[in-house]
């Protein structure tokens, strides 16, 4: 297999020049979720309007004449469930946008699967997503726009746990930026009055078989709830093979920091983590890691092995994690800074392991996922469009109430 080395990129995501338009190789500018709280409680008994804060790494307004009129804008969406690293959201919101981009010569609408690659049509996400901002309310990528909070009206939503994602609209290639935390919409602040909520907050780590990774996160659930943790190697065009490594852990409201000793089967692989939480009356939520854990099977005196293929070079410390789950210079802000209705543990409250939803010296949380999502879409995921696989092979099978969708190849 072709080995993917550490890829140096900053606060923007580079795309290969595969489109004919002037923006084909232009970096797509993600939504920056730095300093976002891990747990946000939206108490509708106080106010159903939640002020969602975000930032941008730089301004991006130089739309070329051959782009669509509202290109280089940001939009925001809520989802009724979380998704794992290799479960890629549809790249388009509406069919009309595919057609409009095709009319500009940005790409060929004929290679787009209008069922699976358009969010409005995607069966795997039917009735499980909402627009926080409408399509005609997309925001320019400017500091002035980002300084204004996004007002999310939750009054019509089902109470419970929601994930949030930012969307960069710049056809032919569009970009998702997952919020690193989770939102719990309630009508009563008592945890027993609502389903459980949880999020995983650790950053990318590199550990050996003889070391432990730090699994950090936060939870809000009624007394008596329990958590179970699973791991899976990255898969190629398949559903993850989740294996439980810690089960029935009491879920105390707040932050947690738990060890993960990778098994031999994880050696020389990039590992994903899943958290399942269930309360005493059977309500549940599933959360997934936003970053991989790179597992090295053989380390020498230097403590690294350059022979694997991970989401980064294990031998390049570069100020990166040391396997404890923390990133150098964590700068988490006030957990309640997102809005007056934001409560619960902040990203940096996850015990000694840190690694929360905070700003780091390597860029905003979720950028690694954003890069692999786009790279997989362009270099691997496009197999859905060009290879014309059967529906059973292009859609992962739903199981255990977790989302399914397009998968992409992990770095090997």
Protein backbone atom coordinates (compact mmCIF):
# COMPACT_ATOMS: atom_id res chain seq x y z
CA UNK A 1 0.00 0.00 0.00
CA UNK A 2 1.07 3.54 -0.57
CA UNK A 3 2.23 4.96 2.71
CA UNK A 4 0.78 8.31 3.75
CA UNK A 5 3.42 10.29 5.60
CA UNK A 6 2.77 13.13 7.98
CA UNK A 7 1.04 15.83 6.00
CA UNK A 8 1.87 19.38 7.00
CA UNK A 9 -1.00 21.74 6.65
CA UNK A 10 -2.16 24.67 8.71
CA UNK A 11 -5.55 26.11 9.33
CA UNK A 12 -6.94 25.38 5.90
CA UNK A 13 -7.53 22.16 4.01
CA UNK A 14 -5.74 21.75 0.71
CA UNK A 15 -7.51 20.06 -2.16
CA UNK A 16 -5.97 18.42 -5.21
CA UNK A 17 -6.46 20.27 -8.45
CA UNK A 18 -9.10 18.03 -9.95
CA UNK A 19 -11.73 20.64 -10.81
CA UNK A 20 -11.51 22.80 -13.89
CA UNK A 21 -12.50 26.01 -12.12
CA UNK A 22 -10.09 28.52 -10.68
CA UNK A 23 -10.92 27.38 -7.15
CA UNK A 24 -10.22 23.70 -7.82
CA UNK A 25 -7.01 23.68 -5.76
CA UNK A 26 -8.04 26.48 -3.43
CA UNK A 27 -7.86 25.58 0.28
CA UNK A 28 -11.36 25.11 1.72
CA UNK A 29 -11.60 27.20 4.88
CA UNK A 30 -13.07 25.21 7.79
CA UNK A 31 -15.15 26.39 10.71
CA UNK A 32 -12.85 26.82 13.72
CA UNK A 33 -14.40 25.35 16.87
CA UNK A 34 -11.48 26.22 19.18
CA UNK A 35 -12.40 26.73 22.84
CA UNK A 36 -15.78 25.05 22.35
CA UNK A 37 -17.23 23.46 25.49
CA UNK A 38 -17.46 19.69 25.65
CA UNK A 39 -21.00 19.66 27.06
CA UNK A 40 -23.61 22.31 26.28
CA UNK A 41 -27.00 22.17 27.98
CA UNK A 42 -29.72 24.11 26.19
CA UNK A 43 -32.48 24.54 28.78
CA UNK A 44 -35.58 25.51 26.84
CA UNK A 45 -37.46 26.27 30.04
CA UNK A 46 -35.17 29.31 30.23
CA UNK A 47 -34.63 30.12 26.53
CA UNK A 48 -35.00 27.94 23.41
CA UNK A 49 -32.58 30.15 21.43
CA UNK A 50 -28.97 29.04 21.74
CA UNK A 51 -26.18 31.38 20.65
CA UNK A 52 -23.62 29.20 18.89
CA UNK A 53 -20.10 30.65 18.72
CA UNK A 54 -17.40 29.82 16.18
CA UNK A 55 -14.31 31.35 14.59
CA UNK A 56 -12.43 31.25 11.31
CA UNK A 57 -8.68 30.84 10.74
CA UNK A 58 -8.60 33.52 8.04
CA UNK A 59 -10.89 35.49 5.77
CA UNK A 60 -11.82 33.93 2.43
CA UNK A 61 -13.86 36.18 0.16
CA UNK A 62 -12.06 36.23 -3.21
CA UNK A 63 -14.68 34.32 -5.16
CA UNK A 64 -13.60 33.79 -8.76
CA UNK A 65 -15.99 34.52 -11.67
CA UNK A 66 -16.41 30.83 -12.47
CA UNK A 67 -17.64 29.93 -8.97
CA UNK A 68 -21.29 29.81 -7.89
CA UNK A 69 -22.64 33.06 -6.51
CA UNK A 70 -22.66 32.03 -2.82
CA UNK A 71 -19.40 30.10 -2.91
CA UNK A 72 -16.98 30.38 0.04
CA UNK A 73 -19.60 30.59 2.75
CA UNK A 74 -20.33 28.81 6.02
CA UNK A 75 -23.53 27.11 7.16
CA UNK A 76 -24.46 25.15 10.30
CA UNK A 77 -26.40 21.94 10.89
CA UNK A 78 -27.62 19.83 13.81
CA UNK A 79 -27.73 16.02 13.76
CA UNK A 80 -29.65 13.66 16.03
CA UNK A 81 -26.69 11.27 16.30
CA UNK A 82 -22.92 11.30 16.18
CA UNK A 83 -20.77 9.77 13.44
CA UNK A 84 -17.40 8.04 13.48
CA UNK A 85 -14.30 9.20 11.66
CA UNK A 86 -14.92 7.13 8.53
CA UNK A 87 -18.64 7.80 8.22
CA UNK A 88 -18.64 10.64 5.70
CA UNK A 89 -21.60 12.99 5.43
CA UNK A 90 -23.03 13.70 1.97
CA UNK A 91 -21.04 16.44 0.27
CA UNK A 92 -24.10 18.31 -1.03
CA UNK A 93 -27.19 19.69 0.68
CA UNK A 94 -29.60 19.93 -2.28
CA UNK A 95 -29.83 18.61 -5.84
CA UNK A 96 -30.26 22.16 -7.11
CA UNK A 97 -26.76 23.01 -5.87
CA UNK A 98 -25.26 20.09 -7.78
CA UNK A 99 -26.96 21.28 -10.95
CA UNK A 100 -25.93 24.91 -10.39
CA UNK A 101 -22.30 23.93 -9.86
CA UNK A 102 -22.40 21.76 -12.96
CA UNK A 103 -23.77 24.65 -14.99
CA UNK A 104 -20.70 26.63 -14.00
CA UNK A 105 -18.45 23.86 -15.28
CA UNK A 106 -17.16 23.05 -11.80
CA UNK A 107 -17.84 19.33 -12.17
CA UNK A 108 -20.04 16.70 -13.77
CA UNK A 109 -23.44 16.28 -12.05
CA UNK A 110 -23.74 12.93 -13.79
CA UNK A 111 -21.17 11.34 -11.48
CA UNK A 112 -22.98 12.47 -8.31
CA UNK A 113 -25.25 9.89 -6.68
CA UNK A 114 -28.21 12.16 -5.98
CA UNK A 115 -29.56 9.78 -3.34
CA UNK A 116 -26.47 9.05 -1.31
CA UNK A 117 -24.44 12.22 -1.86
CA UNK A 118 -27.19 14.80 -1.28
CA UNK A 119 -28.17 15.33 2.35
CA UNK A 120 -31.82 16.10 1.58
CA UNK A 121 -32.15 12.67 -0.08
CA UNK A 122 -29.76 10.51 1.97
CA UNK A 123 -31.73 7.65 3.58
CA UNK A 124 -29.11 7.12 6.30
CA UNK A 125 -29.78 10.63 7.64
CA UNK A 126 -33.50 10.91 6.98
CA UNK A 127 -35.32 12.80 9.77
CA UNK A 128 -32.04 13.09 11.68
CA UNK A 129 -30.78 16.54 10.72
CA UNK A 130 -31.85 20.16 10.80
CA UNK A 131 -30.58 23.38 9.34
CA UNK A 132 -29.38 25.75 12.03
CA UNK A 133 -28.94 28.38 9.35
CA UNK A 134 -30.89 28.24 6.08
CA UNK A 135 -29.26 27.84 2.69
CA UNK A 136 -29.94 31.50 1.85
CA UNK A 137 -28.41 32.57 5.17
CA UNK A 138 -24.95 31.17 4.55
CA UNK A 139 -22.32 33.42 6.04
CA UNK A 140 -19.38 35.00 4.29
CA UNK A 141 -16.05 33.77 5.63
CA UNK A 142 -15.09 37.02 7.32
CA UNK A 143 -14.05 37.91 10.83
CA UNK A 144 -17.03 40.25 11.11
CA UNK A 145 -19.48 37.47 10.28
CA UNK A 146 -17.78 34.99 12.61
CA UNK A 147 -17.95 37.53 15.46
CA UNK A 148 -21.73 37.34 15.34
CA UNK A 149 -23.18 34.27 17.13
CA UNK A 150 -25.33 31.85 15.19
CA UNK A 151 -28.79 31.87 16.76
CA UNK A 152 -30.10 28.30 16.89
CA UNK A 153 -33.85 28.07 17.49
CA UNK A 154 -34.33 24.71 19.22
CA UNK A 155 -38.02 25.18 20.01
CA UNK A 156 -39.22 22.73 17.35
CA UNK A 157 -36.63 20.02 17.97
CA UNK A 158 -37.11 16.79 19.86
CA UNK A 159 -35.44 17.02 23.27
CA UNK A 160 -32.29 14.98 23.61
CA UNK A 161 -28.70 14.96 22.42
CA UNK A 162 -27.55 16.60 19.21
CA UNK A 163 -24.23 16.97 17.41
CA UNK A 164 -23.39 20.08 15.39
CA UNK A 165 -21.29 20.53 12.25
CA UNK A 166 -20.11 23.50 10.25
CA UNK A 167 -20.30 23.30 6.46
CA UNK A 168 -18.04 25.12 4.03
CA UNK A 169 -19.88 25.61 0.74
CA UNK A 170 -17.42 25.98 -2.13
CA UNK A 171 -18.32 23.67 -5.02
CA UNK A 172 -17.14 21.47 -6.49
CA UNK A 173 -15.74 20.32 -3.15
CA UNK A 174 -17.51 21.16 0.08
CA UNK A 175 -16.26 20.55 3.61
CA UNK A 176 -17.70 19.45 6.96
CA UNK A 177 -16.18 20.64 10.27
CA UNK A 178 -17.58 18.65 13.24
CA UNK A 179 -18.08 20.48 16.53
CA UNK A 180 -15.92 18.67 19.11
CA UNK A 181 -18.58 18.70 21.83
CA UNK A 182 -22.21 17.73 22.17
CA UNK A 183 -25.48 19.63 22.73
CA UNK A 184 -28.18 18.42 25.10
CA UNK A 185 -31.56 20.06 24.52
CA UNK A 186 -33.80 19.77 27.57
CA UNK A 187 -37.05 21.15 28.95
CA UNK A 188 -36.03 20.36 32.54
CA UNK A 189 -32.45 20.70 33.85
CA UNK A 190 -32.77 17.55 35.97
CA UNK A 191 -30.61 14.87 34.23
CA UNK A 192 -33.31 12.27 34.94
CA UNK A 193 -35.73 14.23 32.75
CA UNK A 194 -33.72 13.74 29.54
CA UNK A 195 -31.68 11.08 27.72
CA UNK A 196 -27.93 10.78 28.37
CA UNK A 197 -25.31 12.79 26.51
CA UNK A 198 -21.57 12.25 26.09
CA UNK A 199 -18.63 13.32 23.94
CA UNK A 200 -15.05 12.16 23.44
CA UNK A 201 -12.51 14.98 23.45
CA UNK A 202 -8.99 13.56 23.18
CA UNK A 203 -6.66 14.64 20.42
CA UNK A 204 -4.52 12.47 18.15
CA UNK A 205 -2.09 10.29 20.12
CA UNK A 206 0.71 7.88 19.27
CA UNK A 207 1.33 4.99 21.67
CA UNK A 208 3.01 1.61 21.58
CA UNK A 209 1.45 -1.73 22.48
CA UNK A 210 3.11 -1.42 25.90
CA UNK A 211 1.71 2.04 26.60
CA UNK A 212 -1.69 3.49 27.42
CA UNK A 213 -3.61 6.17 25.60
CA UNK A 214 -5.78 8.65 27.46
CA UNK A 215 -9.49 8.61 26.64
CA UNK A 216 -11.04 11.88 27.78
CA UNK A 217 -14.54 13.21 27.49
CA UNK A 218 -17.62 14.41 29.32
CA UNK A 219 -21.02 13.05 30.20
CA UNK A 220 -24.41 14.26 31.45
CA UNK A 221 -26.82 11.52 32.51
CA UNK A 222 -29.10 10.47 35.33
CA UNK A 223 -27.74 8.55 38.31
CA UNK A 224 -27.18 4.87 37.61
CA UNK A 225 -26.13 5.32 33.98
CA UNK A 226 -23.23 3.25 32.65
CA UNK A 227 -20.65 3.64 29.88
CA UNK A 228 -19.00 1.07 27.63
CA UNK A 229 -15.97 1.77 25.44
CA UNK A 230 -14.99 0.01 22.21
CA UNK A 231 -12.13 0.29 19.76
CA UNK A 232 -11.82 -0.48 16.07
CA UNK A 233 -9.01 -0.36 13.57
CA UNK A 234 -9.60 1.88 10.62
CA UNK A 235 -11.40 -0.06 7.89
CA UNK A 236 -11.31 0.16 4.12
CA UNK A 237 -14.79 0.33 2.59
CA UNK A 238 -16.38 -1.48 5.50
CA UNK A 239 -18.13 -1.10 8.83
CA UNK A 240 -15.78 -0.77 11.83
CA UNK A 241 -15.21 -3.93 13.85
CA UNK A 242 -15.96 -2.58 17.31
CA UNK A 243 -14.55 -4.54 20.24
CA UNK A 244 -15.38 -3.61 23.84
CA UNK A 245 -12.38 -2.90 26.05
CA UNK A 246 -14.14 -1.43 29.09
CA UNK A 247 -17.78 -2.07 30.00
CA UNK A 248 -20.41 -0.97 32.52
CA UNK A 249 -18.44 1.92 33.97
CA UNK A 250 -20.56 4.13 36.24
CA UNK A 251 -21.26 7.39 34.42
CA UNK A 252 -20.76 10.24 36.83
CA UNK A 253 -21.91 13.64 35.61
CA UNK A 254 -18.90 15.65 34.48
CA UNK A 255 -15.57 14.87 32.83
CA UNK A 256 -13.62 11.62 32.71
CA UNK A 257 -10.14 10.40 31.83
CA UNK A 258 -9.75 6.65 31.27
CA UNK A 259 -6.79 4.56 30.05
CA UNK A 260 -6.79 2.52 26.86
CA UNK A 261 -4.14 -0.18 26.51
CA UNK A 262 -4.22 -1.11 22.83
CA UNK A 263 -4.33 -4.86 22.15
CA UNK A 264 -1.90 -6.60 19.82
CA UNK A 265 -4.53 -6.58 17.07
CA UNK A 266 -4.29 -2.78 16.98
CA UNK A 267 -0.56 -2.75 16.22
CA UNK A 268 0.50 -0.64 13.22
CA UNK A 269 -3.00 0.74 12.85
CA UNK A 270 -4.94 3.91 13.44
CA UNK A 271 -7.60 3.21 16.06
CA UNK A 272 -11.04 4.77 16.54
CA UNK A 273 -12.88 4.86 19.87
CA UNK A 274 -16.61 4.54 20.53
CA UNK A 275 -18.48 5.38 23.73
CA UNK A 276 -21.95 3.98 24.43
CA UNK A 277 -23.88 5.30 27.41
CA UNK A 278 -27.21 3.96 28.67
CA UNK A 279 -29.31 5.10 31.61
CA UNK A 280 -31.41 2.95 33.98
CA UNK A 281 -34.55 3.31 31.87
CA UNK A 282 -32.87 2.30 28.61
CA UNK A 283 -32.23 5.66 26.99
CA UNK A 284 -28.87 5.76 25.23
CA UNK A 285 -26.39 7.79 23.20
CA UNK A 286 -23.31 6.81 21.18
CA UNK A 287 -20.30 9.11 20.83
CA UNK A 288 -17.23 8.67 18.62
CA UNK A 289 -13.69 9.97 18.79
CA UNK A 290 -12.83 12.97 16.64
CA UNK A 291 -9.23 11.78 16.27
CA UNK A 292 -7.35 8.53 15.73
CA UNK A 293 -4.95 6.85 18.12
CA UNK A 294 -1.88 5.63 16.22
CA UNK A 295 -0.60 2.35 17.67
CA UNK A 296 3.07 1.47 17.16
CA UNK A 297 3.97 -2.19 17.57
CA UNK A 298 7.75 -1.91 18.00
CA UNK A 299 9.59 1.01 19.56
CA UNK A 300 13.30 1.39 20.09
CA UNK A 301 15.29 3.46 22.50
CA UNK A 302 14.00 6.65 20.91
CA UNK A 303 10.43 5.60 21.73
CA UNK A 304 9.16 5.75 18.20
CA UNK A 305 8.84 3.66 15.08
CA UNK A 306 8.99 5.24 11.63
CA UNK A 307 7.76 2.07 9.97
CA UNK A 308 4.02 2.57 10.33
CA UNK A 309 1.53 4.62 8.43
CA UNK A 310 -0.63 6.75 10.69
CA UNK A 311 -2.43 10.07 10.82
CA UNK A 312 0.94 11.69 11.44
CA UNK A 313 4.56 10.62 11.78
CA UNK A 314 5.08 8.82 15.12
CA UNK A 315 8.75 9.89 15.11
CA UNK A 316 7.98 13.57 14.63
CA UNK A 317 7.30 14.93 18.09
CA UNK A 318 7.05 18.52 16.84
CA UNK A 319 5.37 19.53 20.06
CA UNK A 320 2.66 16.95 19.57
CA UNK A 321 1.10 14.60 22.08
CA UNK A 322 3.24 12.24 24.10
CA UNK A 323 0.63 9.59 24.57
CA UNK A 324 -0.98 11.20 27.61
CA UNK A 325 -3.88 12.63 25.66
CA UNK A 326 -2.77 16.25 26.09
CA UNK A 327 -1.58 18.67 23.47
CA UNK A 328 1.06 21.25 24.18
CA UNK A 329 -0.33 24.62 25.11
CA UNK A 330 -3.98 23.72 25.66
CA UNK A 331 -5.92 26.96 25.85
CA UNK A 332 -9.45 25.98 26.69
CA UNK A 333 -11.74 28.85 27.43
CA UNK A 334 -14.57 29.23 29.91
CA UNK A 335 -16.89 26.20 29.57
CA UNK A 336 -19.84 28.52 29.69
CA UNK A 337 -18.52 31.02 27.21
CA UNK A 338 -20.54 29.59 24.32
CA UNK A 339 -23.77 31.06 25.68
CA UNK A 340 -25.70 31.67 28.83
CA UNK A 341 -27.32 28.28 28.39
CA UNK A 342 -24.00 26.45 28.16
CA UNK A 343 -23.30 24.46 31.28
CA UNK A 344 -21.49 21.31 32.25
CA UNK A 345 -17.82 20.37 32.07
CA UNK A 346 -15.48 22.26 29.82
CA UNK A 347 -13.06 20.65 27.45
CA UNK A 348 -10.09 21.13 29.73
CA UNK A 349 -11.86 19.62 32.73
CA UNK A 350 -11.19 16.08 31.58
CA UNK A 351 -8.81 15.20 34.39
CA UNK A 352 -5.06 15.03 34.14
CA UNK A 353 -5.27 13.70 30.61
CA UNK A 354 -6.55 16.99 29.21
CA UNK A 355 -7.02 16.69 25.49
CA UNK A 356 -10.36 18.45 25.51
CA UNK A 357 -12.18 20.60 22.99
CA UNK A 358 -9.64 23.36 23.25
CA UNK A 359 -7.38 25.31 20.98
CA UNK A 360 -3.97 23.79 20.38
CA UNK A 361 -0.76 24.78 18.71
CA UNK A 362 -1.57 22.46 15.79
CA UNK A 363 -4.79 24.13 14.81
CA UNK A 364 -8.46 23.86 15.59
CA UNK A 365 -10.00 20.57 16.73
CA UNK A 366 -11.46 18.49 13.95
CA UNK A 367 -9.06 19.66 11.24
CA UNK A 368 -7.48 16.21 10.99
CA UNK A 369 -10.92 14.74 10.47
CA UNK A 370 -11.77 17.50 8.02
CA UNK A 371 -8.66 16.75 5.99
CA UNK A 372 -9.20 12.99 5.86
CA UNK A 373 -12.87 13.54 5.07
CA UNK A 374 -12.05 15.72 2.08
CA UNK A 375 -9.06 13.66 0.99
CA UNK A 376 -11.17 10.51 1.24
CA UNK A 377 -13.95 12.18 -0.73
CA UNK A 378 -11.61 13.29 -3.49
CA UNK A 379 -9.13 10.42 -3.69
CA UNK A 380 -11.09 7.47 -2.29
CA UNK A 381 -14.71 8.30 -1.71
CA UNK A 382 -15.17 9.30 -5.34
CA UNK A 383 -15.19 5.58 -6.04
CA UNK A 384 -18.89 5.80 -5.23
CA UNK A 385 -19.28 8.08 -8.20
CA UNK A 386 -16.81 6.61 -10.67
CA UNK A 387 -16.75 2.93 -9.81
CA UNK A 388 -20.55 2.60 -9.64
CA UNK A 389 -20.60 0.08 -6.79
CA UNK A 390 -23.77 -1.64 -5.75
CA UNK A 391 -25.86 0.09 -3.10
CA UNK A 392 -24.91 -2.53 -0.54
CA UNK A 393 -21.24 -1.74 -0.99
CA UNK A 394 -21.62 2.03 -1.06
CA UNK A 395 -23.69 2.24 2.10
CA UNK A 396 -22.59 0.79 5.38
CA UNK A 397 -25.19 -1.31 7.15
CA UNK A 398 -26.85 0.30 10.16
CA UNK A 399 -26.38 -1.53 13.41
CA UNK A 400 -26.86 -0.83 17.07
CA UNK A 401 -28.52 2.48 16.29
CA UNK A 402 -25.29 4.05 15.01
CA UNK A 403 -25.10 6.05 11.78
CA UNK A 404 -24.02 4.47 8.57
CA UNK A 405 -22.81 6.00 5.38
CA UNK A 406 -19.85 6.28 3.11
CA UNK A 407 -16.61 5.01 4.52
CA UNK A 408 -13.13 5.99 3.51
CA UNK A 409 -9.73 4.44 3.74
CA UNK A 410 -7.76 5.28 6.87
CA UNK A 411 -4.12 6.21 6.48
CA UNK A 412 -2.00 3.14 6.00
